[in-house]
């Protein structure tokens, strides 16, 4: 993987950060209900899931 591949993946991922926040909120709420997780960590879970979803979509956009 070259440097340009990494940069392009990150560029695509940064654009998707805004759009992936809503699915991350919904998944976090589902995880709280399903596995009875601590609601105090909701914001942290949303941030981590948003970044994870954005990277996955960025990789898909780069290599699809």
PDB file of N, CA and C in Angstrom:
ATOM      1  N   UNK A   1       0.850  -1.172   0.000  1.00  0.00           N
ATOM      2  CA  UNK A   1       0.000   0.000   0.000  1.00  0.00           C
ATOM      3  C   UNK A   1       0.898   1.238   0.000  1.00  0.00           C
ATOM      4  N   UNK A   2       0.698   2.084  -0.964  1.00  0.00           N
ATOM      5  CA  UNK A   2       1.525   3.277  -1.073  1.00  0.00           C
ATOM      6  C   UNK A   2       0.933   4.419  -0.246  1.00  0.00           C
ATOM      7  N   UNK A   3       1.697   5.480  -0.143  1.00  0.00           N
ATOM      8  CA  UNK A   3       1.252   6.637   0.633  1.00  0.00           C
ATOM      9  C   UNK A   3       0.018   7.281   0.021  1.00  0.00           C
ATOM     10  N   UNK A   4      -0.054   7.299  -1.301  1.00  0.00           N
ATOM     11  CA  UNK A   4      -1.201   7.918  -1.959  1.00  0.00           C
ATOM     12  C   UNK A   4      -2.487   7.136  -1.679  1.00  0.00           C
ATOM     13  N   UNK A   5      -2.394   5.815  -1.555  1.00  0.00           N
ATOM     14  CA  UNK A   5      -3.570   5.007  -1.208  1.00  0.00           C
ATOM     15  C   UNK A   5      -4.084   5.359   0.181  1.00  0.00           C
ATOM     16  N   UNK A   6      -3.170   5.540   1.116  1.00  0.00           N
ATOM     17  CA  UNK A   6      -3.559   5.900   2.475  1.00  0.00           C
ATOM     18  C   UNK A   6      -4.209   7.281   2.497  1.00  0.00           C
ATOM     19  N   UNK A   7      -3.607   8.230   1.785  1.00  0.00           N
ATOM     20  CA  UNK A   7      -4.144   9.585   1.754  1.00  0.00           C
ATOM     21  C   UNK A   7      -5.529   9.601   1.112  1.00  0.00           C
ATOM     22  N   UNK A   8      -5.705   8.912   0.011  1.00  0.00           N
ATOM     23  CA  UNK A   8      -7.020   8.884  -0.648  1.00  0.00           C
ATOM     24  C   UNK A   8      -8.072   8.222   0.231  1.00  0.00           C
ATOM     25  N   UNK A   9      -7.711   7.160   0.918  1.00  0.00           N
ATOM     26  CA  UNK A   9      -8.646   6.503   1.820  1.00  0.00           C
ATOM     27  C   UNK A   9      -9.066   7.455   2.931  1.00  0.00           C
ATOM     28  N   UNK A  10      -8.116   8.191   3.497  1.00  0.00           N
ATOM     29  CA  UNK A  10      -8.444   9.144   4.555  1.00  0.00           C
ATOM     30  C   UNK A  10      -9.284  10.308   4.038  1.00  0.00           C
ATOM     31  N   UNK A  11      -9.033  10.753   2.820  1.00  0.00           N
ATOM     32  CA  UNK A  11      -9.849  11.828   2.241  1.00  0.00           C
ATOM     33  C   UNK A  11     -11.284  11.369   2.064  1.00  0.00           C
ATOM     34  N   UNK A  12     -11.470  10.179   1.538  1.00  0.00           N
ATOM     35  CA  UNK A  12     -12.824   9.649   1.385  1.00  0.00           C
ATOM     36  C   UNK A  12     -13.490   9.460   2.744  1.00  0.00           C
ATOM     37  N   UNK A  13     -12.724   9.047   3.746  1.00  0.00           N
ATOM     38  CA  UNK A  13     -13.278   8.808   5.078  1.00  0.00           C
ATOM     39  C   UNK A  13     -13.686  10.096   5.764  1.00  0.00           C
ATOM     40  N   UNK A  14     -12.904  11.159   5.586  1.00  0.00           N
ATOM     41  CA  UNK A  14     -13.227  12.435   6.220  1.00  0.00           C
ATOM     42  C   UNK A  14     -14.555  12.971   5.690  1.00  0.00           C
ATOM     43  N   UNK A  15     -14.787  12.798   4.417  1.00  0.00           N
ATOM     44  CA  UNK A  15     -16.054  13.256   3.829  1.00  0.00           C
ATOM     45  C   UNK A  15     -17.226  12.486   4.433  1.00  0.00           C
ATOM     46  N   UNK A  16     -17.028  11.225   4.739  1.00  0.00           N
ATOM     47  CA  UNK A  16     -18.113  10.383   5.231  1.00  0.00           C
ATOM     48  C   UNK A  16     -18.374  10.527   6.733  1.00  0.00           C
ATOM     49  N   UNK A  17     -17.526  11.254   7.461  1.00  0.00           N
ATOM     50  CA  UNK A  17     -17.721  11.395   8.905  1.00  0.00           C
ATOM     51  C   UNK A  17     -19.090  11.969   9.244  1.00  0.00           C
ATOM     52  N   UNK A  18     -19.508  12.984   8.545  1.00  0.00           N
ATOM     53  CA  UNK A  18     -20.792  13.614   8.820  1.00  0.00           C
ATOM     54  C   UNK A  18     -21.951  12.659   8.562  1.00  0.00           C
ATOM     55  N   UNK A  19     -21.877  11.921   7.472  1.00  0.00           N
ATOM     56  CA  UNK A  19     -22.977  11.044   7.094  1.00  0.00           C
ATOM     57  C   UNK A  19     -23.061   9.774   7.941  1.00  0.00           C
ATOM     58  N   UNK A  20     -21.970   9.369   8.553  1.00  0.00           N
ATOM     59  CA  UNK A  20     -21.970   8.143   9.341  1.00  0.00           C
ATOM     60  C   UNK A  20     -22.328   8.364  10.802  1.00  0.00           C
ATOM     61  N   UNK A  21     -22.564   9.604  11.208  1.00  0.00           N
ATOM     62  CA  UNK A  21     -22.893   9.860  12.612  1.00  0.00           C
ATOM     63  C   UNK A  21     -24.280   9.308  12.973  1.00  0.00           C
ATOM     64  N   UNK A  22     -25.253   9.453  12.081  1.00  0.00           N
ATOM     65  CA  UNK A  22     -26.592   8.939  12.376  1.00  0.00           C
ATOM     66  C   UNK A  22     -26.623   7.408  12.498  1.00  0.00           C
ATOM     67  N   UNK A  23     -26.031   6.660  11.544  1.00  0.00           N
ATOM     68  CA  UNK A  23     -26.002   5.201  11.745  1.00  0.00           C
ATOM     69  C   UNK A  23     -25.241   4.797  13.005  1.00  0.00           C
ATOM     70  N   UNK A  24     -24.202   5.541  13.359  1.00  0.00           N
ATOM     71  CA  UNK A  24     -23.451   5.219  14.572  1.00  0.00           C
ATOM     72  C   UNK A  24     -24.308   5.434  15.816  1.00  0.00           C
ATOM     73  N   UNK A  25     -25.128   6.484  15.826  1.00  0.00           N
ATOM     74  CA  UNK A  25     -26.023   6.711  16.963  1.00  0.00           C
ATOM     75  C   UNK A  25     -27.043   5.581  17.086  1.00  0.00           C
ATOM     76  N   UNK A  26     -27.588   5.169  15.958  1.00  0.00           N
ATOM     77  CA  UNK A  26     -28.583   4.098  15.987  1.00  0.00           C
ATOM     78  C   UNK A  26     -27.962   2.768  16.435  1.00  0.00           C
ATOM     79  N   UNK A  27     -26.770   2.463  15.950  1.00  0.00           N
ATOM     80  CA  UNK A  27     -26.099   1.217  16.347  1.00  0.00           C
ATOM     81  C   UNK A  27     -25.741   1.266  17.827  1.00  0.00           C
ATOM     82  N   UNK A  28     -25.302   2.420  18.308  1.00  0.00           N
ATOM     83  CA  UNK A  28     -24.969   2.552  19.721  1.00  0.00           C
ATOM     84  C   UNK A  28     -26.205   2.356  20.600  1.00  0.00           C
ATOM     85  N   UNK A  29     -27.322   2.926  20.201  1.00  0.00           N
ATOM     86  CA  UNK A  29     -28.569   2.719  20.949  1.00  0.00           C
ATOM     87  C   UNK A  29     -28.977   1.254  20.932  1.00  0.00           C
ATOM     88  N   UNK A  30     -28.828   0.599  19.790  1.00  0.00           N
ATOM     89  CA  UNK A  30     -29.168  -0.818  19.688  1.00  0.00           C
ATOM     90  C   UNK A  30     -28.263  -1.648  20.588  1.00  0.00           C
ATOM     91  N   UNK A  31     -26.967  -1.327  20.613  1.00  0.00           N
ATOM     92  CA  UNK A  31     -26.036  -2.059  21.472  1.00  0.00           C
ATOM     93  C   UNK A  31     -26.376  -1.879  22.953  1.00  0.00           C
ATOM     94  N   UNK A  32     -26.785  -0.678  23.332  1.00  0.00           N
ATOM     95  CA  UNK A  32     -27.167  -0.428  24.725  1.00  0.00           C
ATOM     96  C   UNK A  32     -28.378  -1.264  25.118  1.00  0.00           C
ATOM     97  N   UNK A  33     -29.357  -1.353  24.233  1.00  0.00           N
ATOM     98  CA  UNK A  33     -30.559  -2.136  24.529  1.00  0.00           C
ATOM     99  C   UNK A  33     -30.264  -3.632  24.522  1.00  0.00           C
ATOM    100  N   UNK A  34     -29.518  -4.064  23.544  1.00  0.00           N
ATOM    101  CA  UNK A  34     -29.280  -5.495  23.348  1.00  0.00           C
ATOM    102  C   UNK A  34     -28.378  -6.095  24.429  1.00  0.00           C
ATOM    103  N   UNK A  35     -27.303  -5.398  24.784  1.00  0.00           N
ATOM    104  CA  UNK A  35     -26.306  -5.947  25.694  1.00  0.00           C
ATOM    105  C   UNK A  35     -26.263  -5.225  27.038  1.00  0.00           C
ATOM    106  N   UNK A  36     -27.224  -4.382  27.315  1.00  0.00           N
ATOM    107  CA  UNK A  36     -27.320  -3.597  28.548  1.00  0.00           C
ATOM    108  C   UNK A  36     -25.987  -2.953  28.921  1.00  0.00           C
ATOM    109  N   UNK A  37     -25.467  -2.148  28.000  1.00  0.00           N
ATOM    110  CA  UNK A  37     -24.214  -1.442  28.220  1.00  0.00           C
ATOM    111  C   UNK A  37     -24.463  -0.154  28.999  1.00  0.00           C
ATOM    112  N   UNK A  38     -23.407   0.397  29.536  1.00  0.00           N
ATOM    113  CA  UNK A  38     -23.479   1.618  30.331  1.00  0.00           C
ATOM    114  C   UNK A  38     -23.829   2.807  29.445  1.00  0.00           C
ATOM    115  N   UNK A  39     -24.942   3.492  29.721  1.00  0.00           N
ATOM    116  CA  UNK A  39     -25.323   4.631  28.883  1.00  0.00           C
ATOM    117  C   UNK A  39     -24.390   5.833  29.021  1.00  0.00           C
ATOM    118  N   UNK A  40     -23.570   5.860  30.060  1.00  0.00           N
ATOM    119  CA  UNK A  40     -22.633   6.970  30.233  1.00  0.00           C
ATOM    120  C   UNK A  40     -21.549   6.974  29.160  1.00  0.00           C
ATOM    121  N   UNK A  41     -21.317   5.867  28.521  1.00  0.00           N
ATOM    122  CA  UNK A  41     -20.301   5.746  27.472  1.00  0.00           C
ATOM    123  C   UNK A  41     -20.893   5.895  26.070  1.00  0.00           C
ATOM    124  N   UNK A  42     -22.118   6.368  25.985  1.00  0.00           N
ATOM    125  CA  UNK A  42     -22.816   6.481  24.697  1.00  0.00           C
ATOM    126  C   UNK A  42     -22.049   7.378  23.719  1.00  0.00           C
ATOM    127  N   UNK A  43     -21.581   8.519  24.175  1.00  0.00           N
ATOM    128  CA  UNK A  43     -20.876   9.464  23.297  1.00  0.00           C
ATOM    129  C   UNK A  43     -19.574   8.850  22.770  1.00  0.00           C
ATOM    130  N   UNK A  44     -18.858   8.158  23.625  1.00  0.00           N
ATOM    131  CA  UNK A  44     -17.615   7.515  23.194  1.00  0.00           C
ATOM    132  C   UNK A  44     -17.884   6.440  22.152  1.00  0.00           C
ATOM    133  N   UNK A  45     -18.931   5.641  22.383  1.00  0.00           N
ATOM    134  CA  UNK A  45     -19.290   4.599  21.410  1.00  0.00           C
ATOM    135  C   UNK A  45     -19.681   5.208  20.075  1.00  0.00           C
ATOM    136  N   UNK A  46     -20.416   6.301  20.103  1.00  0.00           N
ATOM    137  CA  UNK A  46     -20.842   6.952  18.854  1.00  0.00           C
ATOM    138  C   UNK A  46     -19.626   7.469  18.092  1.00  0.00           C
ATOM    139  N   UNK A  47     -18.688   8.077  18.784  1.00  0.00           N
ATOM    140  CA  UNK A  47     -17.488   8.602  18.125  1.00  0.00           C
ATOM    141  C   UNK A  47     -16.666   7.476  17.512  1.00  0.00           C
ATOM    142  N   UNK A  48     -16.458   6.409  18.266  1.00  0.00           N
ATOM    143  CA  UNK A  48     -15.672   5.274  17.753  1.00  0.00           C
ATOM    144  C   UNK A  48     -16.371   4.620  16.573  1.00  0.00           C
ATOM    145  N   UNK A  49     -17.666   4.417  16.679  1.00  0.00           N
ATOM    146  CA  UNK A  49     -18.408   3.801  15.577  1.00  0.00           C
ATOM    147  C   UNK A  49     -18.439   4.703  14.346  1.00  0.00           C
ATOM    148  N   UNK A  50     -18.545   5.996  14.538  1.00  0.00           N
ATOM    149  CA  UNK A  50     -18.534   6.928  13.404  1.00  0.00           C
ATOM    150  C   UNK A  50     -17.211   6.843  12.654  1.00  0.00           C
ATOM    151  N   UNK A  51     -16.120   6.841  13.394  1.00  0.00           N
ATOM    152  CA  UNK A  51     -14.800   6.741  12.757  1.00  0.00           C
ATOM    153  C   UNK A  51     -14.637   5.392  12.072  1.00  0.00           C
ATOM    154  N   UNK A  52     -15.075   4.327  12.723  1.00  0.00           N
ATOM    155  CA  UNK A  52     -14.972   2.989  12.134  1.00  0.00           C
ATOM    156  C   UNK A  52     -15.800   2.876  10.857  1.00  0.00           C
ATOM    157  N   UNK A  53     -17.047   3.332  10.901  1.00  0.00           N
ATOM    158  CA  UNK A  53     -17.904   3.282   9.710  1.00  0.00           C
ATOM    159  C   UNK A  53     -17.326   4.128   8.581  1.00  0.00           C
ATOM    160  N   UNK A  54     -16.791   5.293   8.924  1.00  0.00           N
ATOM    161  CA  UNK A  54     -16.218   6.170   7.898  1.00  0.00           C
ATOM    162  C   UNK A  54     -15.004   5.530   7.236  1.00  0.00           C
ATOM    163  N   UNK A  55     -14.166   4.879   8.031  1.00  0.00           N
ATOM    164  CA  UNK A  55     -13.003   4.200   7.450  1.00  0.00           C
ATOM    165  C   UNK A  55     -13.419   3.041   6.556  1.00  0.00           C
ATOM    166  N   UNK A  56     -14.425   2.317   6.961  1.00  0.00           N
ATOM    167  CA  UNK A  56     -14.910   1.192   6.141  1.00  0.00           C
ATOM    168  C   UNK A  56     -15.455   1.705   4.811  1.00  0.00           C
ATOM    169  N   UNK A  57     -16.270   2.763   4.848  1.00  0.00           N
ATOM    170  CA  UNK A  57     -16.806   3.336   3.620  1.00  0.00           C
ATOM    171  C   UNK A  57     -15.704   3.935   2.775  1.00  0.00           C
ATOM    172  N   UNK A  58     -14.722   4.586   3.415  1.00  0.00           N
ATOM    173  CA  UNK A  58     -13.592   5.148   2.686  1.00  0.00           C
ATOM    174  C   UNK A  58     -12.789   4.087   1.967  1.00  0.00           C
ATOM    175  N   UNK A  59     -12.571   2.952   2.643  1.00  0.00           N
ATOM    176  CA  UNK A  59     -11.871   1.840   1.982  1.00  0.00           C
ATOM    177  C   UNK A  59     -12.676   1.286   0.822  1.00  0.00           C
ATOM    178  N   UNK A  60     -13.988   1.192   1.019  1.00  0.00           N
ATOM    179  CA  UNK A  60     -14.841   0.711  -0.060  1.00  0.00           C
ATOM    180  C   UNK A  60     -14.793   1.642  -1.263  1.00  0.00           C
ATOM    181  N   UNK A  61     -14.888   2.952  -1.012  1.00  0.00           N
ATOM    182  CA  UNK A  61     -14.863   3.911  -2.106  1.00  0.00           C
ATOM    183  C   UNK A  61     -13.514   3.918  -2.831  1.00  0.00           C
ATOM    184  N   UNK A  62     -12.447   3.700  -2.095  1.00  0.00           N
ATOM    185  CA  UNK A  62     -11.113   3.721  -2.701  1.00  0.00           C
ATOM    186  C   UNK A  62     -10.885   2.493  -3.586  1.00  0.00           C
ATOM    187  N   UNK A  63     -11.322   1.340  -3.152  1.00  0.00           N
ATOM    188  CA  UNK A  63     -10.976   0.105  -3.861  1.00  0.00           C
ATOM    189  C   UNK A  63     -12.128  -0.486  -4.664  1.00  0.00           C
ATOM    190  N   UNK A  64     -13.282   0.149  -4.674  1.00  0.00           N
ATOM    191  CA  UNK A  64     -14.402  -0.394  -5.459  1.00  0.00           C
ATOM    192  C   UNK A  64     -14.433   0.199  -6.843  1.00  0.00           C
TER     193      UNK A  64
END
